[in-house]
Amino acid sequence: MKSAEGRGRTLDEAIDAALVHLGVSRRNVDVRILSEGPEETAVEVTVIEGESQPVAAAEAGNGSQPSHDADAARDIVQQLLTRMGIHCQVASRATPEAIIVDVTGRDLGVLIGWRGETLRALQTMTNLLASRRLGPDQRVIVDVERYRQRRENTVREIAFRAARQVKMTGDPITLDAMQPFERRAIHLALESDPDVTTMSIGEEPDRRVVVGPRKPREG
C-alpha cells in the first residue's frame, strides 16, 4: 500500500500535504498521527482498499481486458470454493476500482465467519492467486451474499450516530476495530460533514476510526 508523511500547522494541513504527494482524495486513505504539537503536526497517510488506478486505466485503454480479468478472478474463486466443498454460484464484474466477485447460494454463513473474518481470509487468498495471474496491481473484492454491502450500510449508520454524539458533547469517539472496507465506509459517510472529522488509529487487526469535532472545543 502507498503511504506518505505530511506536516502542517494543523491536522488538516498535514493531511492535505500528504494527499497532494499521493495524488488521491481523502475518501481513499487512512490517517495515522505521528506527532502533534502546538507548532507542527505530522501524519502518515496510507491509501486503503478501494483505490485502484491501474484498473481504471485498463478500462480506458482496452475495452476487453476488464471482462477477461473479471472472468479469471471468478474462476479463481470458483476453484477455491470447489476445493472447499462449497456449492454456490459465482459471478464477477469489473468496476473502476476493482473486480467484484459475488458469491451466492444457501447456508454460506461459514464463508463469512465472525465479523467477516473468514471472508477476509478468502479475499486475501484470492488476491494472492490473482496477483500471479493478473498482475500485482489488480484488486479483487470478494462478497458473499452481499455481506459487504449490508455491512457498509450498518457502519454508515454507526458513523452517523457517532457524529450526532460528537456534535452534542464536543468529545471524540473511538469506534470498535474494523476491517479496511468498513473504515473506508465511515470516512465516506462523514467526509462532507462540516462539523466532524475522522481518522484511523492503531495497527491491524485492531485499527479503529476516531470521530471527532472538526474544531476544538473552546474553554
Foldseek 3Di string as FASTA:
>chain_A
DDKDKAKDQDPVRRVVRRCVVVVDDPLQWFKEWPDDDNGMTMIMIDGFAQAFQVLLVCVVPPVCVQVVLFVVLQVLLVVVCVVVVHDWDWGWGRDNRAIEIETEDPPCVVCQPDQRPNVVVSLVVSLVVSCVVPNNRHHYHYDYPCPLVVLLVVLLVVLVVQQVVCVVPQAKDKDWFHDRSNVSSSQVSCVPPQFWHWHWYDDPPGIIIIIGTPDHDDD
